[in-house]
Amino acid sequence: MSIEKSTNIRQERMQLTSVQLGRTVDVDLYLPAAMQDMRATSLLLINDGQDLGRLGMAGILDELYSRDLLSPLLCVGIHAGADRKMEYGTAGIPDYQGWGVKADAYTRFVFDELIPALRRKYRAPDFREKAFAGFSLGALSAMDIVWNHPQEFARAGLFSGSFWWRTKDKSDPAYNEQTDRIMHSEVRKGSYYPWLKFFFECGTEDEMEDRNGNGIIDSIDDTQDLMRELAGKGYDPAGDIRYFEIAGGHHDVATWARAMPEFLLWGFPK
């Protein structure tokens, strides 16, 4: 069903009845108005797709295409469900509160149900490349899926990522930042995949918490520590990792809207 038209893009919507998640998943689709060969089109999956309307995704894409700055891109906004805190997270490793227990099922939904449905809908045997993006807890989910399925992806877009996700409460006397932050440990245990690239965004007012008292808010601290873990694996901080910090930026859609064009131009330039 076409729900919006513009000069350079068209927007469509589909619904998937997911066996893996036990719910109906709404999916918003943004693609070039002139249909491209999908083998020359990149696929960008985006968690929390229900926020893309407020973010102004259609207008952002339309502007970039009008300026001939963006290569062909199929953007797929996956709406979160009522169990967002259970579906997003690190697959197989819930946090200390028990959140993320359905992250494994969400990963299977992406590979077993969503991507095959997109291939059928657009008669696409393959895409030029695949990327995954998300906001907050959705960014953690995107990072986890990309990192643990590197053969499937080329890039990750991570906006205000919830990289504090941990196996122990910060008030636990046994809490150790080096070992208890889950995504950092996952990267440390993983391998170097030279084709992967990472975009990180943080706002200087993402939050006020500073659990280790070093004068840097946790959102920035956790993100920069994760970047250091990636650099330790062999990723070039200048070529493989892009860090975009927004002075005065908050943990909200308006801030992520400011960062989205930077991500798209970094990841999918014409």
Protein backbone atom coordinates (compact mmCIF):
# COMPACT_ATOMS: atom_id res chain seq x y z
CA MET A 1 0.00 0.00 0.00
CA SER A 2 1.48 3.35 -1.01
CA ILE A 3 0.97 5.87 1.80
CA GLU A 4 3.12 8.78 0.67
CA LYS A 5 4.60 10.04 -2.56
CA SER A 6 7.36 12.56 -3.16
CA THR A 7 9.55 13.55 -6.05
CA ASN A 8 12.36 11.17 -5.31
CA ILE A 9 11.05 8.45 -3.00
CA ARG A 10 8.00 6.37 -2.37
CA GLN A 11 6.89 5.01 0.95
CA GLU A 12 5.10 1.71 1.41
CA ARG A 13 3.97 -0.37 4.36
CA MET A 14 3.64 -4.08 4.93
CA GLN A 15 2.65 -6.31 7.82
CA LEU A 16 4.25 -9.59 8.73
CA THR A 17 2.67 -12.21 10.96
CA SER A 18 5.74 -13.41 12.81
CA VAL A 19 5.90 -16.95 14.12
CA GLN A 20 9.18 -16.16 15.87
CA LEU A 21 7.80 -13.18 17.78
CA GLY A 22 4.18 -14.27 18.08
CA ARG A 23 2.91 -10.89 16.90
CA THR A 24 2.15 -8.86 13.82
CA VAL A 25 5.08 -6.65 12.83
CA ASP A 26 4.44 -3.40 10.96
CA VAL A 27 7.21 -2.45 8.55
CA ASP A 28 7.64 0.91 6.82
CA LEU A 29 9.54 0.92 3.53
CA TYR A 30 11.29 3.84 1.86
CA LEU A 31 12.77 3.38 -1.59
CA PRO A 32 13.69 5.42 -4.67
CA ALA A 33 10.69 6.53 -6.72
CA ALA A 34 12.29 5.06 -9.84
CA MET A 35 12.63 1.37 -9.03
CA GLN A 36 16.23 0.25 -9.17
CA ASP A 37 17.71 -3.16 -9.78
CA MET A 38 17.78 -4.47 -6.21
CA ARG A 39 21.19 -6.00 -6.83
CA ALA A 40 22.45 -2.42 -7.11
CA THR A 41 20.41 -1.26 -4.10
CA SER A 42 21.60 -1.40 -0.49
CA LEU A 43 19.29 -2.65 2.26
CA LEU A 44 19.15 -0.67 5.51
CA LEU A 45 17.19 -2.26 8.35
CA ILE A 46 16.22 0.17 11.14
CA ASN A 47 14.94 -0.75 14.59
CA ASP A 48 12.19 1.37 16.17
CA GLY A 49 10.79 2.05 12.72
CA GLN A 50 7.66 3.51 14.31
CA ASP A 51 9.73 6.65 15.02
CA LEU A 52 10.87 7.29 11.44
CA GLY A 53 7.82 9.41 10.64
CA ARG A 54 8.55 11.78 13.54
CA LEU A 55 12.22 11.71 12.61
CA GLY A 56 11.34 12.95 9.11
CA MET A 57 12.97 10.07 7.28
CA ALA A 58 11.01 10.63 4.07
CA GLY A 59 12.09 14.27 3.89
CA ILE A 60 15.71 13.44 4.68
CA LEU A 61 15.88 10.84 1.93
CA ASP A 62 14.03 13.07 -0.54
CA GLU A 63 16.49 15.91 0.05
CA LEU A 64 19.56 13.70 -0.35
CA TYR A 65 18.24 12.11 -3.54
CA SER A 66 17.29 15.53 -4.94
CA ARG A 67 20.90 16.64 -4.47
CA ASP A 68 22.14 13.40 -6.09
CA LEU A 69 24.14 12.54 -2.97
CA LEU A 70 22.71 9.13 -2.08
CA SER A 71 23.11 5.77 -3.77
CA PRO A 72 19.97 3.61 -4.17
CA LEU A 73 18.75 2.50 -0.76
CA LEU A 74 15.83 0.45 0.54
CA CYS A 75 15.20 1.63 4.12
CA VAL A 76 13.14 -0.75 6.24
CA GLY A 77 11.69 0.64 9.47
CA ILE A 78 10.77 -2.28 11.75
CA HIS A 79 8.16 -1.25 14.32
CA ALA A 80 8.88 -2.32 17.88
CA GLY A 81 6.24 -4.23 19.81
CA ALA A 82 4.99 -4.08 23.37
CA ASP A 83 7.83 -6.40 24.38
CA ARG A 84 10.54 -4.04 23.06
CA LYS A 85 12.76 -4.46 26.13
CA MET A 86 12.56 -8.23 25.71
CA GLU A 87 13.02 -8.38 21.92
CA TYR A 88 15.92 -5.92 21.79
CA GLY A 89 19.22 -6.69 23.48
CA THR A 90 22.00 -9.21 23.07
CA ALA A 91 20.86 -12.60 21.78
CA GLY A 92 21.32 -15.35 24.33
CA ILE A 93 22.62 -12.98 27.04
CA PRO A 94 19.88 -11.12 28.94
CA ASP A 95 20.89 -8.19 31.11
CA TYR A 96 20.86 -8.40 34.90
CA GLN A 97 17.16 -7.39 35.00
CA GLY A 98 16.16 -10.21 32.67
CA TRP A 99 15.57 -7.88 29.72
CA GLY A 100 16.42 -9.17 26.25
CA VAL A 101 15.17 -12.75 26.66
CA LYS A 102 13.49 -12.58 23.23
CA ALA A 103 16.51 -11.10 21.42
CA ASP A 104 17.30 -14.52 19.97
CA ALA A 105 13.78 -14.75 18.55
CA TYR A 106 14.08 -11.23 17.15
CA THR A 107 17.28 -12.18 15.36
CA ARG A 108 15.55 -15.22 13.85
CA PHE A 109 12.65 -12.99 12.79
CA VAL A 110 15.07 -10.75 10.89
CA PHE A 111 16.77 -13.59 9.02
CA ASP A 112 13.99 -16.16 8.69
CA GLU A 113 10.96 -13.92 8.09
CA LEU A 114 11.76 -10.27 7.35
CA ILE A 115 14.60 -10.49 4.81
CA PRO A 116 12.94 -13.35 2.87
CA ALA A 117 9.71 -11.30 2.74
CA LEU A 118 11.60 -8.31 1.36
CA ARG A 119 13.26 -10.47 -1.26
CA ARG A 120 9.87 -11.82 -2.33
CA LYS A 121 8.20 -8.41 -2.38
CA TYR A 122 10.88 -6.78 -4.50
CA ARG A 123 11.94 -9.89 -6.43
CA ALA A 124 15.42 -9.37 -5.12
CA PRO A 125 17.75 -12.37 -5.15
CA ASP A 126 20.21 -10.19 -3.30
CA PHE A 127 21.11 -6.62 -2.39
CA ARG A 128 24.27 -4.63 -3.04
CA GLU A 129 25.00 -4.75 0.69
CA LYS A 130 23.09 -4.85 3.96
CA ALA A 131 23.29 -2.57 6.99
CA PHE A 132 21.47 -2.32 10.32
CA ALA A 133 20.73 0.80 12.37
CA GLY A 134 18.89 1.62 15.56
CA PHE A 135 18.32 4.10 18.36
CA SER A 136 19.03 3.56 22.06
CA LEU A 137 18.14 -0.06 22.90
CA GLY A 138 17.45 -0.58 19.19
CA ALA A 139 21.07 0.41 18.52
CA LEU A 140 22.29 -2.26 20.93
CA SER A 141 20.14 -4.79 19.06
CA ALA A 142 21.50 -3.65 15.68
CA MET A 143 25.10 -3.86 16.91
CA ASP A 144 24.54 -7.34 18.37
CA ILE A 145 22.99 -8.65 15.15
CA VAL A 146 25.67 -7.15 12.89
CA TRP A 147 28.56 -8.24 15.09
CA ASN A 148 27.33 -11.80 15.42
CA HIS A 149 26.38 -12.14 11.71
CA PRO A 150 29.24 -10.34 9.96
CA GLN A 151 28.81 -12.42 6.81
CA GLU A 152 25.42 -10.73 6.30
CA PHE A 153 26.27 -7.06 6.86
CA ALA A 154 28.67 -4.31 5.86
CA ARG A 155 27.69 -1.47 8.25
CA ALA A 156 26.01 -0.56 11.51
CA GLY A 157 24.42 2.80 12.41
CA LEU A 158 24.25 3.23 16.19
CA PHE A 159 22.46 6.25 17.63
CA SER A 160 22.67 6.83 21.42
CA GLY A 161 23.33 3.13 21.87
CA SER A 162 22.43 1.41 25.15
CA PHE A 163 25.91 0.00 25.52
CA TRP A 164 25.58 0.06 29.30
CA TRP A 165 23.75 -3.31 28.91
CA ARG A 166 25.34 -5.43 31.60
CA THR A 167 25.17 -8.70 33.52
CA LYS A 168 25.37 -7.06 36.97
CA ASP A 169 23.72 -4.02 38.54
CA LYS A 170 26.14 -1.11 38.76
CA SER A 171 25.46 -1.03 42.53
CA ASP A 172 26.64 -4.64 42.88
CA PRO A 173 30.03 -4.60 44.67
CA ALA A 174 31.20 -7.24 42.17
CA TYR A 175 30.33 -5.09 39.13
CA ASN A 176 33.30 -4.71 36.78
CA GLU A 177 33.04 -2.49 33.70
CA GLN A 178 35.69 -4.50 31.89
CA THR A 179 33.82 -7.79 32.12
CA ASP A 180 30.16 -7.03 32.84
CA ARG A 181 29.18 -4.78 29.89
CA ILE A 182 27.81 -7.35 27.49
CA MET A 183 28.46 -5.79 24.07
CA HIS A 184 31.99 -4.84 25.00
CA SER A 185 32.65 -8.45 26.04
CA GLU A 186 31.08 -9.72 22.80
CA VAL A 187 33.44 -7.58 20.73
CA ARG A 188 36.42 -8.60 22.85
CA LYS A 189 35.62 -12.28 22.30
CA GLY A 190 34.92 -11.84 18.59
CA SER A 191 37.15 -11.67 15.54
CA TYR A 192 38.20 -8.98 13.10
CA TYR A 193 35.91 -8.70 10.06
CA PRO A 194 37.67 -6.20 7.78
CA TRP A 195 34.61 -5.27 5.71
CA LEU A 196 32.54 -4.03 8.67
CA LYS A 197 32.14 -0.27 9.29
CA PHE A 198 30.53 1.43 12.29
CA PHE A 199 28.80 4.80 12.77
CA PHE A 200 28.24 5.97 16.37
CA GLU A 201 26.22 9.02 17.44
CA CYS A 202 26.01 10.50 20.92
CA GLY A 203 24.51 13.71 22.29
CA THR A 204 26.34 15.52 25.07
CA GLU A 205 23.03 15.62 26.95
CA ASP A 206 21.96 12.04 26.22
CA GLU A 207 21.74 11.56 29.99
CA MET A 208 23.19 12.79 33.29
CA GLU A 209 24.51 9.50 34.70
CA ASP A 210 28.25 9.11 35.32
CA ARG A 211 28.58 5.86 37.22
CA ASN A 212 32.40 5.82 37.35
CA GLY A 213 32.71 9.50 38.23
CA ASN A 214 35.15 10.35 35.44
CA GLY A 215 33.25 13.45 34.30
CA ILE A 216 31.92 11.81 31.10
CA ILE A 217 28.28 10.78 30.85
CA ASP A 218 27.75 7.04 30.56
CA SER A 219 26.28 7.17 27.06
CA ILE A 220 29.46 8.73 25.66
CA ASP A 221 31.75 6.74 27.93
CA ASP A 222 30.22 3.38 26.98
CA THR A 223 30.24 4.28 23.28
CA GLN A 224 33.85 5.40 23.27
CA ASP A 225 34.89 2.32 25.23
CA LEU A 226 33.16 0.16 22.61
CA MET A 227 35.01 2.03 19.88
CA ARG A 228 38.27 1.29 21.69
CA GLU A 229 37.34 -2.40 21.82
CA LEU A 230 36.80 -2.32 18.05
CA ALA A 231 40.11 -0.56 17.52
CA GLY A 232 41.75 -3.26 19.61
CA LYS A 233 40.38 -5.83 17.17
CA GLY A 234 42.03 -4.03 14.27
CA TYR A 235 39.42 -1.52 13.10
CA ASP A 236 40.87 1.77 11.93
CA PRO A 237 39.39 4.61 14.06
CA ALA A 238 39.77 6.96 11.10
CA GLY A 239 38.55 4.71 8.28
CA ASP A 240 36.29 2.05 9.80
CA ILE A 241 34.65 3.97 12.65
CA ARG A 242 32.78 7.28 12.46
CA TYR A 243 31.94 9.05 15.73
CA PHE A 244 29.45 11.92 15.52
CA GLU A 245 28.91 13.83 18.75
CA ILE A 246 26.17 16.47 18.90
CA ALA A 247 26.75 19.31 21.36
CA GLY A 248 23.55 19.76 23.34
CA GLY A 249 22.05 16.66 21.74
CA HIS A 250 19.51 14.69 23.76
CA HIS A 251 18.30 11.12 23.88
CA ASP A 252 15.42 11.86 21.54
CA VAL A 253 14.11 11.66 17.99
CA ALA A 254 14.92 15.31 17.22
CA THR A 255 18.61 14.71 17.93
CA TRP A 256 18.71 11.49 15.93
CA ALA A 257 17.09 13.35 13.02
CA ARG A 258 20.09 15.71 13.03
CA ALA A 259 22.46 12.75 12.86
CA MET A 260 20.60 10.69 10.23
CA PRO A 261 21.85 12.63 7.15
CA GLU A 262 25.42 12.29 8.43
CA PHE A 263 24.97 8.53 8.74
CA LEU A 264 23.38 8.14 5.30
CA LEU A 265 26.05 10.24 3.58
CA TRP A 266 28.79 8.33 5.42
CA GLY A 267 27.35 4.91 4.66
CA PHE A 268 25.70 5.21 1.24
CA PRO A 269 27.20 8.09 -0.74
CA LYS A 270 26.51 8.42 -4.47
